[in-house]
N, C-alpha and C. Protein backbone atom coordinates (compact mmCIF):
# COMPACT_ATOMS: atom_id res chain seq x y z
N UNK A 1 -9.16 9.14 3.03
CA UNK A 1 -9.06 9.05 2.36
C UNK A 1 -9.55 10.06 1.09
N UNK A 2 -9.12 10.07 0.44
CA UNK A 2 -9.29 10.98 -0.31
C UNK A 2 -9.61 9.81 -1.81
N UNK A 3 -10.71 10.92 -2.36
CA UNK A 3 -11.83 9.58 -3.17
C UNK A 3 -11.76 10.74 -4.38
N UNK A 4 -11.82 9.94 -5.33
CA UNK A 4 -11.93 10.85 -7.09
C UNK A 4 -13.68 10.65 -7.00
N UNK A 5 -14.04 11.87 -7.81
CA UNK A 5 -15.32 11.54 -8.29
C UNK A 5 -15.70 11.54 -9.50
N UNK A 6 -16.49 10.85 -9.44
CA UNK A 6 -17.22 9.78 -10.51
C UNK A 6 -17.43 10.76 -11.85
N UNK A 7 -17.56 12.04 -11.29
CA UNK A 7 -18.28 13.14 -12.57
C UNK A 7 -17.86 14.34 -12.16
N UNK A 8 -16.57 14.46 -13.11
CA UNK A 8 -15.70 16.05 -13.18
C UNK A 8 -17.12 16.97 -12.76
N UNK A 9 -17.49 17.09 -14.44
CA UNK A 9 -18.26 18.23 -14.29
C UNK A 9 -19.63 18.11 -13.65
N UNK A 10 -20.09 17.20 -13.07
CA UNK A 10 -21.67 17.39 -12.11
C UNK A 10 -20.49 18.02 -10.80
N UNK A 11 -18.89 17.47 -10.15
CA UNK A 11 -18.54 18.27 -8.78
C UNK A 11 -18.90 19.93 -9.25
N UNK A 12 -18.56 20.14 -10.40
CA UNK A 12 -18.28 21.94 -10.07
C UNK A 12 -19.82 22.32 -11.17
N UNK A 13 -20.96 21.23 -11.28
CA UNK A 13 -21.86 22.08 -12.16
C UNK A 13 -22.19 22.68 -13.05
N UNK A 14 -21.38 21.91 -13.77
CA UNK A 14 -21.61 22.28 -15.29
C UNK A 14 -21.61 21.02 -16.48
N UNK A 15 -21.99 21.55 -18.04
CA UNK A 15 -21.66 20.78 -18.43
C UNK A 15 -20.76 20.01 -19.28
N UNK A 16 -20.33 19.21 -20.59
CA UNK A 16 -19.16 18.75 -20.99
C UNK A 16 -18.58 19.95 -21.75
N UNK A 17 -19.71 21.08 -22.40
CA UNK A 17 -19.76 21.72 -23.58
C UNK A 17 -19.46 23.10 -23.43
N UNK A 18 -19.16 23.08 -21.80
CA UNK A 18 -18.45 24.18 -20.98
C UNK A 18 -17.50 24.82 -21.23
N UNK A 19 -17.42 26.63 -21.10
CA UNK A 19 -16.37 26.97 -21.70
C UNK A 19 -15.02 27.06 -20.23
N UNK A 20 -14.07 27.64 -21.47
CA UNK A 20 -13.29 28.07 -19.67
C UNK A 20 -13.61 28.61 -19.14
N UNK A 21 -13.75 29.73 -19.46
CA UNK A 21 -14.90 31.03 -18.64
C UNK A 21 -15.33 30.55 -17.79
N UNK A 22 -16.32 29.67 -18.15
CA UNK A 22 -17.33 29.07 -17.35
C UNK A 22 -16.88 27.73 -15.91
N UNK A 23 -15.91 27.77 -16.70
CA UNK A 23 -15.64 26.49 -15.41
C UNK A 23 -15.09 27.15 -14.61
N UNK A 24 -13.76 28.14 -14.78
CA UNK A 24 -13.04 29.17 -13.77
C UNK A 24 -14.01 29.53 -13.08
N UNK A 25 -15.27 30.19 -13.51
CA UNK A 25 -16.41 30.81 -12.45
C UNK A 25 -16.68 29.94 -11.51
N UNK A 26 -17.52 28.76 -11.97
CA UNK A 26 -18.03 27.94 -11.19
C UNK A 26 -16.93 27.45 -10.07
N UNK A 27 -15.21 27.10 -10.27
CA UNK A 27 -14.50 27.02 -9.89
C UNK A 27 -14.26 28.24 -8.38
N UNK A 28 -14.37 29.23 -8.93
CA UNK A 28 -13.88 29.87 -8.27
C UNK A 28 -15.39 30.22 -7.17
N UNK A 29 -16.24 30.44 -7.45
CA UNK A 29 -17.56 30.00 -6.82
C UNK A 29 -17.84 28.94 -5.80
N UNK A 30 -17.58 28.06 -5.83
CA UNK A 30 -17.72 26.79 -5.02
C UNK A 30 -16.80 27.06 -3.84
N UNK A 31 -15.68 27.04 -4.63
CA UNK A 31 -14.53 27.39 -3.43
C UNK A 31 -14.96 28.43 -2.80
N UNK A 32 -15.23 29.59 -3.00
CA UNK A 32 -15.70 30.41 -2.01
C UNK A 32 -16.73 29.72 -1.38
N UNK A 33 -17.66 28.87 -1.63
CA UNK A 33 -19.15 28.68 -0.92
C UNK A 33 -18.58 27.74 -0.03
N UNK A 34 -17.65 26.63 -0.23
CA UNK A 34 -16.87 25.69 0.38
C UNK A 34 -15.88 25.95 1.52
N UNK A 35 -15.08 26.66 0.91
CA UNK A 35 -13.65 27.14 1.97
C UNK A 35 -13.77 27.08 3.16
N UNK A 36 -12.59 26.43 3.91
CA UNK A 36 -13.63 26.38 5.39
C UNK A 36 -13.06 28.13 5.83
N UNK A 37 -11.87 28.77 5.83
CA UNK A 37 -11.15 30.17 6.00
C UNK A 37 -12.54 30.50 5.69
N UNK A 38 -13.59 30.55 4.82
CA UNK A 38 -14.26 31.62 4.72
C UNK A 38 -15.49 31.12 5.66
N UNK A 39 -15.90 30.65 6.78
CA UNK A 39 -16.84 29.63 6.68
C UNK A 39 -16.40 30.67 8.39
N UNK A 40 -15.27 30.12 9.02
CA UNK A 40 -14.93 30.47 10.04
C UNK A 40 -15.05 29.93 11.27
N UNK A 41 -15.40 28.54 11.05
CA UNK A 41 -15.96 27.49 12.28
C UNK A 41 -14.82 27.18 12.68
N UNK A 42 -15.29 27.20 14.20
CA UNK A 42 -13.53 27.03 14.80
C UNK A 42 -14.25 26.09 15.69
N UNK A 43 -15.78 25.40 15.61
CA UNK A 43 -16.14 24.44 16.72
C UNK A 43 -15.45 23.33 16.49
N UNK A 44 -15.01 22.82 17.70
CA UNK A 44 -14.01 20.86 17.84
C UNK A 44 -14.84 20.24 16.74
N UNK A 45 -14.04 19.31 15.82
CA UNK A 45 -14.39 18.22 15.81
C UNK A 45 -14.24 16.79 16.40
N UNK A 46 -15.15 16.29 15.95
CA UNK A 46 -14.68 14.53 16.62
C UNK A 46 -13.58 13.92 16.24
N UNK A 47 -12.59 13.15 16.20
CA UNK A 47 -11.71 12.39 15.98
C UNK A 47 -11.76 11.36 14.57
N UNK A 48 -12.96 10.94 14.62
CA UNK A 48 -13.09 10.11 13.43
C UNK A 48 -14.07 10.68 12.46
N UNK A 49 -14.78 12.31 12.77
CA UNK A 49 -15.88 12.45 11.71
C UNK A 49 -14.54 13.49 10.58
N UNK A 50 -15.45 12.62 9.35
CA UNK A 50 -14.61 13.47 8.36
C UNK A 50 -15.32 15.34 8.09
N UNK A 51 -14.41 15.85 7.59
CA UNK A 51 -14.55 17.44 7.37
C UNK A 51 -15.17 17.05 5.95
N UNK A 52 -17.02 17.68 5.90
CA UNK A 52 -17.41 17.91 4.32
C UNK A 52 -16.86 18.87 4.21
N UNK A 53 -16.77 19.75 4.10
CA UNK A 53 -15.76 20.84 3.86
C UNK A 53 -15.03 21.02 3.36
N UNK A 54 -13.65 20.07 4.19
CA UNK A 54 -12.68 20.13 3.23
C UNK A 54 -12.57 18.85 1.77
N UNK A 55 -13.64 18.39 2.48
CA UNK A 55 -14.02 17.07 0.83
C UNK A 55 -14.52 17.57 0.07
N UNK A 56 -15.28 18.59 0.14
CA UNK A 56 -15.63 19.47 -1.07
C UNK A 56 -14.95 19.80 -1.43
N UNK A 57 -14.12 20.60 -0.53
CA UNK A 57 -12.77 21.43 -1.31
C UNK A 57 -12.04 20.34 -2.29
N UNK A 58 -11.83 19.59 -1.45
CA UNK A 58 -10.71 18.75 -2.05
C UNK A 58 -11.17 18.18 -3.53
N UNK A 59 -12.68 18.09 -3.72
CA UNK A 59 -13.34 17.59 -5.06
C UNK A 59 -13.41 18.65 -5.69
N UNK A 60 -13.27 19.88 -5.52
CA UNK A 60 -13.78 20.75 -6.99
C UNK A 60 -11.58 20.90 -7.14
N UNK A 61 -11.53 21.03 -6.07
CA UNK A 61 -9.78 21.42 -6.71
C UNK A 61 -9.06 20.18 -7.72
N UNK A 62 -9.45 18.69 -7.34
CA UNK A 62 -8.96 17.80 -8.39
C UNK A 62 -10.15 17.88 -10.05
N UNK A 63 -11.27 17.79 -9.71
CA UNK A 63 -12.03 18.74 -11.31
C UNK A 63 -11.44 19.66 -12.10
N UNK A 64 -11.09 21.38 -11.06
CA UNK A 64 -10.79 21.97 -11.82
C UNK A 64 -9.35 21.35 -12.33
N UNK A 65 -8.60 20.88 -11.37
CA UNK A 65 -7.06 20.89 -11.69
C UNK A 65 -7.59 20.01 -12.80
N UNK A 66 -7.98 18.82 -13.48
CA UNK A 66 -8.30 18.11 -14.48
C UNK A 66 -8.87 18.40 -15.38
N UNK A 67 -10.09 19.40 -15.43
CA UNK A 67 -10.44 20.37 -16.71
C UNK A 67 -10.21 21.31 -16.88
N UNK A 68 -8.95 22.02 -16.66
CA UNK A 68 -9.04 23.03 -17.14
C UNK A 68 -7.77 23.57 -17.71
N UNK A 69 -7.18 22.14 -17.44
CA UNK A 69 -5.97 21.90 -18.77
C UNK A 69 -6.40 20.84 -20.24
N UNK A 70 -6.36 21.45 -21.30
CA UNK A 70 -6.93 21.14 -22.10
C UNK A 70 -6.22 19.31 -22.62
N UNK A 71 -5.55 19.13 -22.62
CA UNK A 71 -4.98 17.85 -22.83
C UNK A 71 -5.32 16.74 -21.72
N UNK A 72 -5.55 17.04 -20.62
CA UNK A 72 -6.05 16.44 -19.01
C UNK A 72 -7.69 16.27 -19.35
N UNK A 73 -8.53 17.74 -20.21
CA UNK A 73 -9.68 17.19 -20.19
C UNK A 73 -9.89 16.42 -21.30
N UNK A 74 -9.25 16.54 -22.64
CA UNK A 74 -9.91 15.67 -23.49
C UNK A 74 -9.22 13.95 -23.49
N UNK A 75 -8.59 13.91 -22.54
CA UNK A 75 -8.11 12.33 -21.78
C UNK A 75 -9.19 11.52 -21.03
N UNK A 76 -9.65 12.87 -19.82
CA UNK A 76 -10.77 12.72 -19.36
C UNK A 76 -11.84 12.56 -20.08
N UNK A 77 -12.14 13.32 -20.88
CA UNK A 77 -13.71 12.95 -21.99
C UNK A 77 -13.56 11.67 -22.46
N UNK A 78 -12.23 11.51 -23.24
CA UNK A 78 -12.57 9.80 -23.20
C UNK A 78 -12.67 8.81 -23.27
N UNK A 79 -12.10 9.01 -21.54
CA UNK A 79 -12.25 7.61 -20.55
C UNK A 79 -13.99 7.97 -20.20
N UNK A 80 -14.43 8.71 -19.81
CA UNK A 80 -15.68 9.46 -20.18
C UNK A 80 -17.22 8.87 -20.41
N UNK A 81 -16.67 9.00 -21.80
CA UNK A 81 -17.64 8.62 -22.98
C UNK A 81 -17.09 7.80 -23.76
N UNK A 82 -17.60 6.51 -23.63
CA UNK A 82 -17.49 5.09 -24.95
C UNK A 82 -17.38 5.71 -26.26
N UNK A 83 -16.60 5.20 -26.84
CA UNK A 83 -16.12 5.76 -28.09
C UNK A 83 -17.45 5.26 -29.14
N UNK A 84 -18.20 5.73 -29.46
CA UNK A 84 -19.13 5.49 -30.61
C UNK A 84 -18.91 4.70 -32.31
N UNK A 85 -17.13 5.15 -32.17
CA UNK A 85 -16.63 4.80 -33.75
C UNK A 85 -16.19 3.05 -33.39
N UNK A 86 -16.54 2.42 -32.17
CA UNK A 86 -15.41 1.27 -31.87
C UNK A 86 -15.71 0.44 -33.07
N UNK A 87 -15.39 -0.82 -33.29
CA UNK A 87 -15.47 -1.45 -34.07
C UNK A 87 -15.75 -2.42 -33.31
N UNK A 88 -17.05 -3.70 -32.29
CA UNK A 88 -17.35 -4.42 -32.07
C UNK A 88 -15.83 -5.39 -32.97
N UNK A 89 -15.11 -6.24 -31.22
CA UNK A 89 -14.37 -7.86 -31.97
C UNK A 89 -14.83 -8.56 -31.89
N UNK A 90 -15.57 -9.38 -33.24
CA UNK A 90 -15.72 -11.23 -32.44
C UNK A 90 -14.50 -12.14 -32.88
N UNK A 91 -14.74 -12.72 -31.61
CA UNK A 91 -13.48 -13.72 -31.48
C UNK A 91 -14.10 -14.99 -31.34
N UNK A 92 -13.64 -15.87 -32.40
CA UNK A 92 -14.02 -16.81 -32.68
C UNK A 92 -12.97 -18.13 -31.87
N UNK A 93 -13.79 -19.43 -31.58
CA UNK A 93 -12.71 -20.14 -31.06
C UNK A 93 -12.43 -21.27 -31.85
N UNK A 94 -11.64 -21.62 -31.92
CA UNK A 94 -10.92 -22.93 -33.06
C UNK A 94 -10.59 -23.73 -32.43
N UNK A 95 -11.25 -25.19 -32.68
CA UNK A 95 -11.04 -26.18 -31.73
C UNK A 95 -10.51 -27.06 -33.16
N UNK A 96 -9.59 -28.02 -32.85
CA UNK A 96 -8.92 -28.46 -34.21
C UNK A 96 -9.72 -30.42 -34.28
N UNK A 97 -10.43 -30.41 -35.22
CA UNK A 97 -11.09 -32.16 -35.08
C UNK A 97 -10.59 -32.74 -34.79
N UNK A 98 -11.00 -33.76 -33.88
CA UNK A 98 -10.28 -34.70 -33.25
C UNK A 98 -11.00 -35.79 -33.80
N UNK A 99 -10.23 -36.80 -33.64
CA UNK A 99 -10.96 -38.48 -34.37
C UNK A 99 -10.62 -39.07 -33.12
N UNK A 100 -11.66 -40.53 -32.82
CA UNK A 100 -10.94 -41.04 -31.29
C UNK A 100 -9.99 -41.68 -31.53
N UNK A 101 -8.91 -42.14 -32.40
CA UNK A 101 -7.03 -42.09 -32.81
C UNK A 101 -6.36 -41.09 -32.16
N UNK A 102 -7.04 -40.07 -32.43
CA UNK A 102 -5.95 -38.75 -31.74
C UNK A 102 -5.79 -38.76 -30.02
N UNK A 103 -4.62 -39.02 -29.96
CA UNK A 103 -4.25 -38.88 -28.70
C UNK A 103 -4.70 -37.23 -28.07
N UNK A 104 -4.66 -37.35 -26.90
CA UNK A 104 -5.28 -35.79 -26.22
C UNK A 104 -4.21 -34.85 -26.15
N UNK A 105 -4.14 -33.32 -26.38
CA UNK A 105 -3.29 -32.69 -26.34
C UNK A 105 -2.57 -31.96 -25.11
N UNK A 106 -1.44 -32.00 -24.89
CA UNK A 106 -1.45 -31.53 -23.79
C UNK A 106 -0.35 -30.05 -23.83
N UNK A 107 -0.32 -29.40 -23.24
CA UNK A 107 0.36 -27.74 -22.96
C UNK A 107 1.54 -28.17 -21.70
N UNK A 108 2.66 -27.87 -22.22
CA UNK A 108 3.47 -28.26 -20.95
C UNK A 108 3.94 -26.69 -20.86
N UNK A 109 5.06 -26.44 -19.46
CA UNK A 109 5.75 -24.93 -20.22
C UNK A 109 6.75 -25.17 -21.03
N UNK A 110 7.06 -24.02 -21.56
CA UNK A 110 7.80 -24.34 -22.24
C UNK A 110 8.82 -24.26 -21.86
N UNK A 111 10.17 -24.82 -22.65
CA UNK A 111 11.30 -24.42 -21.98
C UNK A 111 12.86 -23.97 -22.63
N UNK A 112 13.12 -22.78 -22.28
CA UNK A 112 14.20 -21.97 -23.80
C UNK A 112 15.41 -22.36 -23.16
N UNK A 113 15.97 -23.32 -24.19
CA UNK A 113 17.50 -23.54 -24.53
C UNK A 113 18.51 -22.42 -25.29
N UNK A 114 18.98 -22.54 -23.90
CA UNK A 114 20.00 -21.18 -24.51
C UNK A 114 22.22 -21.94 -25.19
């Protein structure tokens, strides 16, 4: 099962202020380092054992796919960091004044008449 890494910048070993050139260089270096074709390992794996190199390559590919596109990167940055300009919302619960003579309020399903 493919999981999305929590921090795409950490996957590539970069900071959020990285330039597109730094992003591309980190991507290519990590891909060369972890790609299974560059290792030449032909050792058979157990059927239930996950392939760590393939998982790492998939995380690098996912991170680069998001961060290389300026629109997707901006959307990721907005989701990654909470907005400091957000205004907190105060919610007040309004309760109608009750007197001992008032019957209790009952909410029933709404019936639409056509």
